[in-house]
Amino acid sequence: MRASGPLQRWWGKLPPSLRAIITGVLIALVAANVWPSLLHGLGAPLAAAAEAGFLALYLWWASGGGLPRTTQAARAAAFRRGALSPPQWAWGLIAAFSFAATIHAAIVILFRLVAFPATSFRQGYDLSFIPSSPLRWLAVVVSATSAGICEETGFRGYMQLPIERRHGAPIAILVSSFFFMLFHLTKGWAIAGMVPIILGAGVLLGLLAWASGSLIPSMIGHIAMDIGLFAYWWTGLAGDFTARPIRRRRAWISHSSSRALRWQRPWVLCC
């Protein structure tokens, strides 16, 4: 108790927005890193069951359950706990899956402009230690679910909401998106062209959480996006991206232009 007094006083002296940033980062990243430890320590089947139990407890606590009772209301508010109406569910699902499709479309466009760096993109995502394809798919789904739940709770809930209340949604969304991007820059796939896509994903997820008043649509969108990222872009489990960057062929353009001009001349004369 004596040790907690000075710590609480120090914490209380911090600006509320800084407290929100620190809390959001801890809520997101500490919980998200439980799954990799379980996967490597227990193997896919047991680890998946353990992670399901952990995520259930995590959601219960983060949404206002358990101790300490003095923070239950604050945790429920930070989690954006509340029921969605049927129209909100419908539009939330449409927005969530549209978001996931948009991010994957942006990545495809990026790698039609520059070469896809498969080696660096898949660094740290080797699933060869998992013995079978079904278990690898299980690991992909659990990985995406863990990241989606924990990161949305931390970044779009515990970090963004308190800043929203003090400074408004635009600033809060930009702050949470910046830190979301910052903590993903440590990945091998975070090449220069991916930076605006990561930032844009954070902004869209922040808008989705703010507009719906709930973390559920952003969690669903994040999980859907990450299933595709883990299965296709990061591990190659669902296939390989083999399209080459689009190159300008000056000779072909010149030839096509000259043909177009020949066809245009009679039309100009007739008019």
C-alpha atoms as a PDB file:
ATOM      1  CA  MET A   1       0.000   0.000   0.000  1.00  0.00           C
ATOM      2  CA  ARG A   2       2.833   2.414   0.800  1.00  0.00           C
ATOM      3  CA  ALA A   3       4.435   1.719  -2.567  1.00  0.00           C
ATOM      4  CA  SER A   4       1.199   2.303  -4.445  1.00  0.00           C
ATOM      5  CA  GLY A   5       0.625   5.775  -2.955  1.00  0.00           C
ATOM      6  CA  PRO A   6       3.527   7.589  -4.674  1.00  0.00           C
ATOM      7  CA  LEU A   7       2.862   5.696  -7.903  1.00  0.00           C
ATOM      8  CA  GLN A   8      -0.776   6.749  -7.898  1.00  0.00           C
ATOM      9  CA  ARG A   9       0.178  10.360  -7.211  1.00  0.00           C
ATOM     10  CA  TRP A  10       2.712  10.290 -10.046  1.00  0.00           C
ATOM     11  CA  TRP A  11       0.145   8.732 -12.394  1.00  0.00           C
ATOM     12  CA  GLY A  12      -2.441  11.353 -11.438  1.00  0.00           C
ATOM     13  CA  LYS A  13      -0.046  14.165 -12.308  1.00  0.00           C
ATOM     14  CA  LEU A  14       0.314  12.974 -15.895  1.00  0.00           C
ATOM     15  CA  PRO A  15      -1.863  14.698 -18.537  1.00  0.00           C
ATOM     16  CA  PRO A  16      -5.035  12.649 -19.204  1.00  0.00           C
ATOM     17  CA  SER A  17      -4.164  12.190 -22.881  1.00  0.00           C
ATOM     18  CA  LEU A  18      -0.731  10.827 -21.981  1.00  0.00           C
ATOM     19  CA  ARG A  19      -2.331   8.430 -19.504  1.00  0.00           C
ATOM     20  CA  ALA A  20      -4.688   7.290 -22.268  1.00  0.00           C
ATOM     21  CA  ILE A  21      -1.769   6.671 -24.653  1.00  0.00           C
ATOM     22  CA  ILE A  22       0.220   4.670 -22.085  1.00  0.00           C
ATOM     23  CA  THR A  23      -2.830   2.662 -20.996  1.00  0.00           C
ATOM     24  CA  GLY A  24      -3.873   1.949 -24.565  1.00  0.00           C
ATOM     25  CA  VAL A  25      -0.436   0.717 -25.567  1.00  0.00           C
ATOM     26  CA  LEU A  26      -0.203  -1.583 -22.536  1.00  0.00           C
ATOM     27  CA  ILE A  27      -3.756  -2.923 -22.940  1.00  0.00           C
ATOM     28  CA  ALA A  28      -3.112  -3.668 -26.621  1.00  0.00           C
ATOM     29  CA  LEU A  29       0.416  -4.973 -26.812  1.00  0.00           C
ATOM     30  CA  VAL A  30       0.820  -6.926 -23.583  1.00  0.00           C
ATOM     31  CA  ALA A  31      -2.325  -8.950 -24.270  1.00  0.00           C
ATOM     32  CA  ALA A  32      -1.557  -9.407 -27.990  1.00  0.00           C
ATOM     33  CA  ASN A  33       1.805 -11.008 -27.174  1.00  0.00           C
ATOM     34  CA  VAL A  34       0.298 -13.750 -25.032  1.00  0.00           C
ATOM     35  CA  TRP A  35      -0.691 -15.783 -28.103  1.00  0.00           C
ATOM     36  CA  PRO A  36       2.800 -16.144 -29.670  1.00  0.00           C
ATOM     37  CA  SER A  37       4.143 -17.451 -26.357  1.00  0.00           C
ATOM     38  CA  LEU A  38       1.313 -19.956 -26.077  1.00  0.00           C
ATOM     39  CA  LEU A  39       1.695 -21.088 -29.692  1.00  0.00           C
ATOM     40  CA  HIS A  40       5.413 -21.789 -29.414  1.00  0.00           C
ATOM     41  CA  GLY A  41       5.120 -23.275 -25.947  1.00  0.00           C
ATOM     42  CA  LEU A  42       2.045 -25.503 -26.256  1.00  0.00           C
ATOM     43  CA  GLY A  43       1.552 -26.153 -29.970  1.00  0.00           C
ATOM     44  CA  ALA A  44      -1.419 -25.136 -32.093  1.00  0.00           C
ATOM     45  CA  PRO A  45      -4.347 -27.154 -30.642  1.00  0.00           C
ATOM     46  CA  LEU A  46      -3.668 -26.581 -26.939  1.00  0.00           C
ATOM     47  CA  ALA A  47      -2.489 -23.021 -27.517  1.00  0.00           C
ATOM     48  CA  ALA A  48      -5.679 -22.163 -29.402  1.00  0.00           C
ATOM     49  CA  ALA A  49      -7.838 -23.450 -26.537  1.00  0.00           C
ATOM     50  CA  ALA A  50      -5.742 -21.555 -23.978  1.00  0.00           C
ATOM     51  CA  GLU A  51      -5.897 -18.370 -26.049  1.00  0.00           C
ATOM     52  CA  ALA A  52      -9.687 -18.654 -26.376  1.00  0.00           C
ATOM     53  CA  GLY A  53      -9.947 -18.800 -22.595  1.00  0.00           C
ATOM     54  CA  PHE A  54      -7.536 -15.902 -22.197  1.00  0.00           C
ATOM     55  CA  LEU A  55      -9.416 -13.716 -24.698  1.00  0.00           C
ATOM     56  CA  ALA A  56     -12.723 -14.454 -22.951  1.00  0.00           C
ATOM     57  CA  LEU A  57     -11.251 -13.308 -19.629  1.00  0.00           C
ATOM     58  CA  TYR A  58      -9.578 -10.346 -21.306  1.00  0.00           C
ATOM     59  CA  LEU A  59     -12.823  -9.144 -22.879  1.00  0.00           C
ATOM     60  CA  TRP A  60     -14.703  -9.633 -19.604  1.00  0.00           C
ATOM     61  CA  TRP A  61     -12.156  -7.628 -17.643  1.00  0.00           C
ATOM     62  CA  ALA A  62     -11.536  -4.925 -20.258  1.00  0.00           C
ATOM     63  CA  SER A  63     -15.280  -4.312 -20.631  1.00  0.00           C
ATOM     64  CA  GLY A  64     -15.687  -3.620 -16.914  1.00  0.00           C
ATOM     65  CA  GLY A  65     -15.725  -6.980 -15.148  1.00  0.00           C
ATOM     66  CA  GLY A  66     -13.656  -8.120 -12.195  1.00  0.00           C
ATOM     67  CA  LEU A  67     -11.359  -6.161  -9.912  1.00  0.00           C
ATOM     68  CA  PRO A  68     -10.710  -3.476  -9.036  1.00  0.00           C
ATOM     69  CA  ARG A  69     -14.304  -2.395  -8.611  1.00  0.00           C
ATOM     70  CA  THR A  70     -13.288   1.253  -8.476  1.00  0.00           C
ATOM     71  CA  THR A  71     -12.309   1.128 -12.169  1.00  0.00           C
ATOM     72  CA  GLN A  72     -15.210  -0.952 -13.481  1.00  0.00           C
ATOM     73  CA  ALA A  73     -17.172   2.021 -14.831  1.00  0.00           C
ATOM     74  CA  ALA A  74     -14.086   3.553 -16.434  1.00  0.00           C
ATOM     75  CA  ARG A  75     -13.149   0.256 -18.084  1.00  0.00           C
ATOM     76  CA  ALA A  76     -16.673  -0.240 -19.404  1.00  0.00           C
ATOM     77  CA  ALA A  77     -16.640   3.269 -20.871  1.00  0.00           C
ATOM     78  CA  ALA A  78     -13.178   2.848 -22.422  1.00  0.00           C
ATOM     79  CA  PHE A  79     -14.326  -0.403 -24.013  1.00  0.00           C
ATOM     80  CA  ARG A  80     -17.312   1.434 -25.543  1.00  0.00           C
ATOM     81  CA  ARG A  81     -19.555  -1.197 -24.025  1.00  0.00           C
ATOM     82  CA  GLY A  82     -23.131  -1.022 -25.244  1.00  0.00           C
ATOM     83  CA  ALA A  83     -25.682  -2.892 -27.317  1.00  0.00           C
ATOM     84  CA  LEU A  84     -25.893  -2.367 -31.073  1.00  0.00           C
ATOM     85  CA  SER A  85     -29.276  -2.112 -32.762  1.00  0.00           C
ATOM     86  CA  PRO A  86     -30.035  -4.356 -35.789  1.00  0.00           C
ATOM     87  CA  PRO A  87     -29.386  -1.501 -38.267  1.00  0.00           C
ATOM     88  CA  GLN A  88     -26.118  -0.735 -36.497  1.00  0.00           C
ATOM     89  CA  TRP A  89     -25.120  -4.385 -36.764  1.00  0.00           C
ATOM     90  CA  ALA A  90     -25.955  -4.429 -40.472  1.00  0.00           C
ATOM     91  CA  TRP A  91     -24.096  -1.235 -41.350  1.00  0.00           C
ATOM     92  CA  GLY A  92     -21.274  -2.131 -38.983  1.00  0.00           C
ATOM     93  CA  LEU A  93     -20.699  -5.461 -40.746  1.00  0.00           C
ATOM     94  CA  ILE A  94     -20.841  -3.821 -44.179  1.00  0.00           C
ATOM     95  CA  ALA A  95     -18.330  -1.204 -43.065  1.00  0.00           C
ATOM     96  CA  ALA A  96     -16.081  -3.798 -41.411  1.00  0.00           C
ATOM     97  CA  PHE A  97     -15.768  -6.054 -44.457  1.00  0.00           C
ATOM     98  CA  SER A  98     -15.512  -3.063 -46.805  1.00  0.00           C
ATOM     99  CA  PHE A  99     -12.618  -1.826 -44.699  1.00  0.00           C
ATOM    100  CA  ALA A 100     -10.814  -5.173 -44.952  1.00  0.00           C
ATOM    101  CA  ALA A 101     -11.341  -5.288 -48.726  1.00  0.00           C
ATOM    102  CA  THR A 102     -10.068  -1.716 -49.080  1.00  0.00           C
ATOM    103  CA  ILE A 103      -6.806  -2.450 -47.253  1.00  0.00           C
ATOM    104  CA  HIS A 104      -6.108  -5.558 -49.326  1.00  0.00           C
ATOM    105  CA  ALA A 105      -6.914  -3.658 -52.523  1.00  0.00           C
ATOM    106  CA  ALA A 106      -4.453  -0.956 -51.480  1.00  0.00           C
ATOM    107  CA  ILE A 107      -1.736  -3.569 -50.938  1.00  0.00           C
ATOM    108  CA  VAL A 108      -2.391  -5.103 -54.364  1.00  0.00           C
ATOM    109  CA  ILE A 109      -2.109  -1.658 -55.982  1.00  0.00           C
ATOM    110  CA  LEU A 110       1.139  -1.023 -54.094  1.00  0.00           C
ATOM    111  CA  PHE A 111       2.698  -4.241 -55.383  1.00  0.00           C
ATOM    112  CA  ARG A 112       1.610  -3.545 -58.940  1.00  0.00           C
ATOM    113  CA  LEU A 113       3.693  -0.388 -58.670  1.00  0.00           C
ATOM    114  CA  VAL A 114       6.701  -1.873 -56.855  1.00  0.00           C
ATOM    115  CA  ALA A 115       7.980  -5.432 -56.567  1.00  0.00           C
ATOM    116  CA  PHE A 116       6.536  -7.563 -53.778  1.00  0.00           C
ATOM    117  CA  PRO A 117       9.368  -8.251 -51.283  1.00  0.00           C
ATOM    118  CA  ALA A 118       8.199 -11.709 -50.236  1.00  0.00           C
ATOM    119  CA  THR A 119      11.238 -12.514 -48.105  1.00  0.00           C
ATOM    120  CA  SER A 120      11.088  -9.416 -45.912  1.00  0.00           C
ATOM    121  CA  PHE A 121       7.287  -9.428 -45.889  1.00  0.00           C
ATOM    122  CA  ARG A 122       7.204 -12.926 -44.409  1.00  0.00           C
ATOM    123  CA  GLN A 123      10.044 -12.494 -41.945  1.00  0.00           C
ATOM    124  CA  GLY A 124       8.910 -13.700 -38.531  1.00  0.00           C
ATOM    125  CA  TYR A 125       5.806 -15.491 -39.842  1.00  0.00           C
ATOM    126  CA  ASP A 126       7.208 -18.958 -40.469  1.00  0.00           C
ATOM    127  CA  LEU A 127       4.572 -21.583 -39.600  1.00  0.00           C
ATOM    128  CA  SER A 128       6.630 -24.577 -40.703  1.00  0.00           C
ATOM    129  CA  PHE A 129       6.914 -25.768 -37.086  1.00  0.00           C
ATOM    130  CA  ILE A 130       3.158 -26.473 -37.157  1.00  0.00           C
ATOM    131  CA  PRO A 131       2.767 -30.013 -38.573  1.00  0.00           C
ATOM    132  CA  SER A 132      -0.367 -29.772 -40.754  1.00  0.00           C
ATOM    133  CA  SER A 133      -2.225 -27.319 -42.959  1.00  0.00           C
ATOM    134  CA  PRO A 134      -5.474 -27.357 -40.898  1.00  0.00           C
ATOM    135  CA  LEU A 135      -3.501 -26.499 -37.766  1.00  0.00           C
ATOM    136  CA  ARG A 136      -1.727 -23.703 -39.625  1.00  0.00           C
ATOM    137  CA  TRP A 137      -5.089 -22.275 -40.634  1.00  0.00           C
ATOM    138  CA  LEU A 138      -6.166 -22.534 -37.008  1.00  0.00           C
ATOM    139  CA  ALA A 139      -3.056 -20.579 -36.006  1.00  0.00           C
ATOM    140  CA  VAL A 140      -3.831 -17.942 -38.645  1.00  0.00           C
ATOM    141  CA  VAL A 141      -7.409 -17.445 -37.450  1.00  0.00           C
ATOM    142  CA  VAL A 142      -6.414 -17.300 -33.780  1.00  0.00           C
ATOM    143  CA  SER A 143      -3.546 -14.900 -34.568  1.00  0.00           C
ATOM    144  CA  ALA A 144      -5.912 -12.576 -36.418  1.00  0.00           C
ATOM    145  CA  THR A 145      -8.554 -12.808 -33.701  1.00  0.00           C
ATOM    146  CA  SER A 146      -6.052 -12.085 -30.940  1.00  0.00           C
ATOM    147  CA  ALA A 147      -4.595  -9.074 -32.757  1.00  0.00           C
ATOM    148  CA  GLY A 148      -8.009  -7.710 -33.716  1.00  0.00           C
ATOM    149  CA  ILE A 149      -9.481  -7.943 -30.213  1.00  0.00           C
ATOM    150  CA  CYS A 150      -6.456  -6.752 -28.254  1.00  0.00           C
ATOM    151  CA  GLU A 151      -5.358  -3.940 -30.567  1.00  0.00           C
ATOM    152  CA  GLU A 152      -8.854  -2.539 -31.015  1.00  0.00           C
ATOM    153  CA  THR A 153      -9.438  -2.622 -27.258  1.00  0.00           C
ATOM    154  CA  GLY A 154      -6.175  -0.788 -26.634  1.00  0.00           C
ATOM    155  CA  PHE A 155      -5.904   1.655 -29.539  1.00  0.00           C
ATOM    156  CA  ARG A 156      -9.521   2.422 -30.419  1.00  0.00           C
ATOM    157  CA  GLY A 157     -10.900   1.948 -26.915  1.00  0.00           C
ATOM    158  CA  TYR A 158      -8.604   2.771 -24.001  1.00  0.00           C
ATOM    159  CA  MET A 159      -6.455   5.208 -25.979  1.00  0.00           C
ATOM    160  CA  GLN A 160      -8.836   6.891 -28.397  1.00  0.00           C
ATOM    161  CA  LEU A 161     -11.990   7.341 -26.319  1.00  0.00           C
ATOM    162  CA  PRO A 162     -10.513   9.444 -23.476  1.00  0.00           C
ATOM    163  CA  ILE A 163      -8.814  11.701 -26.029  1.00  0.00           C
ATOM    164  CA  GLU A 164     -12.085  11.960 -27.969  1.00  0.00           C
ATOM    165  CA  ARG A 165     -13.826  13.284 -24.880  1.00  0.00           C
ATOM    166  CA  ARG A 166     -11.198  15.940 -24.220  1.00  0.00           C
ATOM    167  CA  HIS A 167     -10.074  16.985 -27.703  1.00  0.00           C
ATOM    168  CA  GLY A 168     -12.665  15.665 -30.162  1.00  0.00           C
ATOM    169  CA  ALA A 169     -12.767  12.752 -32.573  1.00  0.00           C
ATOM    170  CA  PRO A 170     -10.392  14.060 -35.306  1.00  0.00           C
ATOM    171  CA  ILE A 171      -7.454  14.547 -32.932  1.00  0.00           C
ATOM    172  CA  ALA A 172      -8.185  11.307 -31.069  1.00  0.00           C
ATOM    173  CA  ILE A 173      -8.330   9.275 -34.280  1.00  0.00           C
ATOM    174  CA  LEU A 174      -5.086  10.786 -35.548  1.00  0.00           C
ATOM    175  CA  VAL A 175      -3.318  10.101 -32.241  1.00  0.00           C
ATOM    176  CA  SER A 176      -4.477   6.484 -32.003  1.00  0.00           C
ATOM    177  CA  SER A 177      -3.679   5.924 -35.698  1.00  0.00           C
ATOM    178  CA  PHE A 178      -0.188   7.362 -35.283  1.00  0.00           C
ATOM    179  CA  PHE A 179       0.653   5.037 -32.400  1.00  0.00           C
ATOM    180  CA  PHE A 180      -1.004   2.115 -34.204  1.00  0.00           C
ATOM    181  CA  MET A 181       1.289   2.809 -37.155  1.00  0.00           C
ATOM    182  CA  LEU A 182       4.336   3.423 -34.946  1.00  0.00           C
ATOM    183  CA  PHE A 183       4.139   0.067 -33.190  1.00  0.00           C
ATOM    184  CA  HIS A 184       3.774  -1.767 -36.508  1.00  0.00           C
ATOM    185  CA  LEU A 185       6.919  -0.213 -37.996  1.00  0.00           C
ATOM    186  CA  THR A 186       9.005  -2.833 -36.199  1.00  0.00           C
ATOM    187  CA  LYS A 187       7.711  -5.517 -38.584  1.00  0.00           C
ATOM    188  CA  GLY A 188       9.708  -6.717 -41.557  1.00  0.00           C
ATOM    189  CA  TRP A 189       6.793  -5.978 -43.894  1.00  0.00           C
ATOM    190  CA  ALA A 190       6.630  -2.305 -42.843  1.00  0.00           C
ATOM    191  CA  ILE A 191       8.391  -1.052 -45.963  1.00  0.00           C
ATOM    192  CA  ALA A 192       8.025   2.595 -47.017  1.00  0.00           C
ATOM    193  CA  GLY A 193       5.047   1.943 -49.267  1.00  0.00           C
ATOM    194  CA  MET A 194       3.171   0.206 -46.458  1.00  0.00           C
ATOM    195  CA  VAL A 195       3.430   3.144 -44.025  1.00  0.00           C
ATOM    196  CA  PRO A 196       0.519   5.167 -45.488  1.00  0.00           C
ATOM    197  CA  ILE A 197      -1.549   1.976 -45.706  1.00  0.00           C
ATOM    198  CA  ILE A 198      -0.951   1.226 -42.015  1.00  0.00           C
ATOM    199  CA  LEU A 199      -1.795   4.810 -41.077  1.00  0.00           C
ATOM    200  CA  GLY A 200      -4.885   4.739 -43.298  1.00  0.00           C
ATOM    201  CA  ALA A 201      -6.016   1.473 -41.713  1.00  0.00           C
ATOM    202  CA  GLY A 202      -5.720   3.068 -38.280  1.00  0.00           C
ATOM    203  CA  VAL A 203      -7.750   6.088 -39.375  1.00  0.00           C
ATOM    204  CA  LEU A 204     -10.512   3.938 -40.884  1.00  0.00           C
ATOM    205  CA  LEU A 205     -10.696   1.711 -37.801  1.00  0.00           C
ATOM    206  CA  GLY A 206     -10.801   4.796 -35.590  1.00  0.00           C
ATOM    207  CA  LEU A 207     -13.633   6.258 -37.649  1.00  0.00           C
ATOM    208  CA  LEU A 208     -15.505   2.964 -37.489  1.00  0.00           C
ATOM    209  CA  ALA A 209     -15.241   2.785 -33.685  1.00  0.00           C
ATOM    210  CA  TRP A 210     -16.239   6.433 -33.276  1.00  0.00           C
ATOM    211  CA  ALA A 211     -19.154   6.326 -35.732  1.00  0.00           C
ATOM    212  CA  SER A 212     -20.631   3.099 -34.362  1.00  0.00           C
ATOM    213  CA  GLY A 213     -19.958   3.887 -30.700  1.00  0.00           C
ATOM    214  CA  SER A 214     -18.693   0.335 -30.321  1.00  0.00           C
ATOM    215  CA  LEU A 215     -15.499  -1.662 -30.744  1.00  0.00           C
ATOM    216  CA  ILE A 216     -17.331  -4.620 -32.271  1.00  0.00           C
ATOM    217  CA  PRO A 217     -17.357  -3.410 -35.919  1.00  0.00           C
ATOM    218  CA  SER A 218     -13.712  -2.361 -35.780  1.00  0.00           C
ATOM    219  CA  MET A 219     -12.771  -5.690 -34.196  1.00  0.00           C
ATOM    220  CA  ILE A 220     -14.574  -7.600 -36.950  1.00  0.00           C
ATOM    221  CA  GLY A 221     -12.947  -5.484 -39.659  1.00  0.00           C
ATOM    222  CA  HIS A 222      -9.519  -5.864 -38.071  1.00  0.00           C
ATOM    223  CA  ILE A 223      -9.893  -9.646 -37.742  1.00  0.00           C
ATOM    224  CA  ALA A 224     -11.088  -9.979 -41.357  1.00  0.00           C
ATOM    225  CA  MET A 225      -8.174  -7.879 -42.576  1.00  0.00           C
ATOM    226  CA  ASP A 226      -5.645  -9.842 -40.510  1.00  0.00           C
ATOM    227  CA  ILE A 227      -6.901 -13.243 -41.639  1.00  0.00           C
ATOM    228  CA  GLY A 228      -6.077 -12.203 -45.184  1.00  0.00           C
ATOM    229  CA  LEU A 229      -2.750 -10.685 -44.135  1.00  0.00           C
ATOM    230  CA  PHE A 230      -1.664 -13.732 -42.158  1.00  0.00           C
ATOM    231  CA  ALA A 231      -2.923 -16.316 -44.655  1.00  0.00           C
ATOM    232  CA  TYR A 232      -1.807 -14.679 -47.897  1.00  0.00           C
ATOM    233  CA  TRP A 233       0.670 -11.842 -47.543  1.00  0.00           C
ATOM    234  CA  TRP A 234       2.623 -12.901 -44.446  1.00  0.00           C
ATOM    235  CA  THR A 235       2.741 -16.705 -44.638  1.00  0.00           C
ATOM    236  CA  GLY A 236       1.728 -17.693 -48.179  1.00  0.00           C
ATOM    237  CA  LEU A 237      -0.604 -20.300 -46.744  1.00  0.00           C
ATOM    238  CA  ALA A 238      -3.424 -19.195 -49.055  1.00  0.00           C
ATOM    239  CA  GLY A 239      -1.168 -18.653 -52.073  1.00  0.00           C
ATOM    240  CA  ASP A 240       1.548 -16.410 -53.426  1.00  0.00           C
ATOM    241  CA  PHE A 241       1.339 -12.977 -55.009  1.00  0.00           C
ATOM    242  CA  THR A 242       3.064 -13.450 -58.356  1.00  0.00           C
ATOM    243  CA  ALA A 243       1.932 -10.387 -60.328  1.00  0.00           C
ATOM    244  CA  ARG A 244       4.782  -8.222 -61.517  1.00  0.00           C
ATOM    245  CA  PRO A 245       4.867  -4.438 -61.276  1.00  0.00           C
ATOM    246  CA  ILE A 246       3.306  -2.597 -64.179  1.00  0.00           C
ATOM    247  CA  ARG A 247       6.002  -1.221 -66.481  1.00  0.00           C
ATOM    248  CA  ARG A 248       5.590   1.514 -69.063  1.00  0.00           C
ATOM    249  CA  ARG A 249       6.547   0.355 -72.500  1.00  0.00           C
ATOM    250  CA  ARG A 250       7.369   3.457 -74.475  1.00  0.00           C
ATOM    251  CA  ALA A 251       7.504   1.676 -77.791  1.00  0.00           C
ATOM    252  CA  TRP A 252       4.050   0.190 -77.302  1.00  0.00           C
ATOM    253  CA  ILE A 253       2.626   3.553 -76.233  1.00  0.00           C
ATOM    254  CA  SER A 254       4.214   5.274 -79.191  1.00  0.00           C
ATOM    255  CA  HIS A 255       2.845   2.648 -81.586  1.00  0.00           C
ATOM    256  CA  SER A 256      -0.631   2.825 -80.057  1.00  0.00           C
ATOM    257  CA  SER A 257      -0.628   6.618 -80.212  1.00  0.00           C
ATOM    258  CA  SER A 258       0.310   6.671 -83.882  1.00  0.00           C
ATOM    259  CA  ARG A 259      -2.483   4.194 -84.707  1.00  0.00           C
ATOM    260  CA  ALA A 260      -4.968   6.306 -82.757  1.00  0.00           C
ATOM    261  CA  LEU A 261      -3.953   9.428 -84.675  1.00  0.00           C
ATOM    262  CA  ARG A 262      -4.443   7.684 -88.029  1.00  0.00           C
ATOM    263  CA  TRP A 263      -7.964   6.669 -87.047  1.00  0.00           C
ATOM    264  CA  GLN A 264      -8.778  10.146 -85.718  1.00  0.00           C
ATOM    265  CA  ARG A 265      -7.892  12.070 -88.892  1.00  0.00           C
ATOM    266  CA  PRO A 266     -10.825  10.916 -91.066  1.00  0.00           C
ATOM    267  CA  TRP A 267     -13.187  11.507 -88.178  1.00  0.00           C
ATOM    268  CA  VAL A 268     -11.930  15.095 -87.834  1.00  0.00           C
ATOM    269  CA  LEU A 269     -12.362  15.694 -91.554  1.00  0.00           C
ATOM    270  CA  CYS A 270     -15.895  14.285 -91.539  1.00  0.00           C
ATOM    271  CA  CYS A 271     -16.926  16.533 -88.685  1.00  0.00           C
END
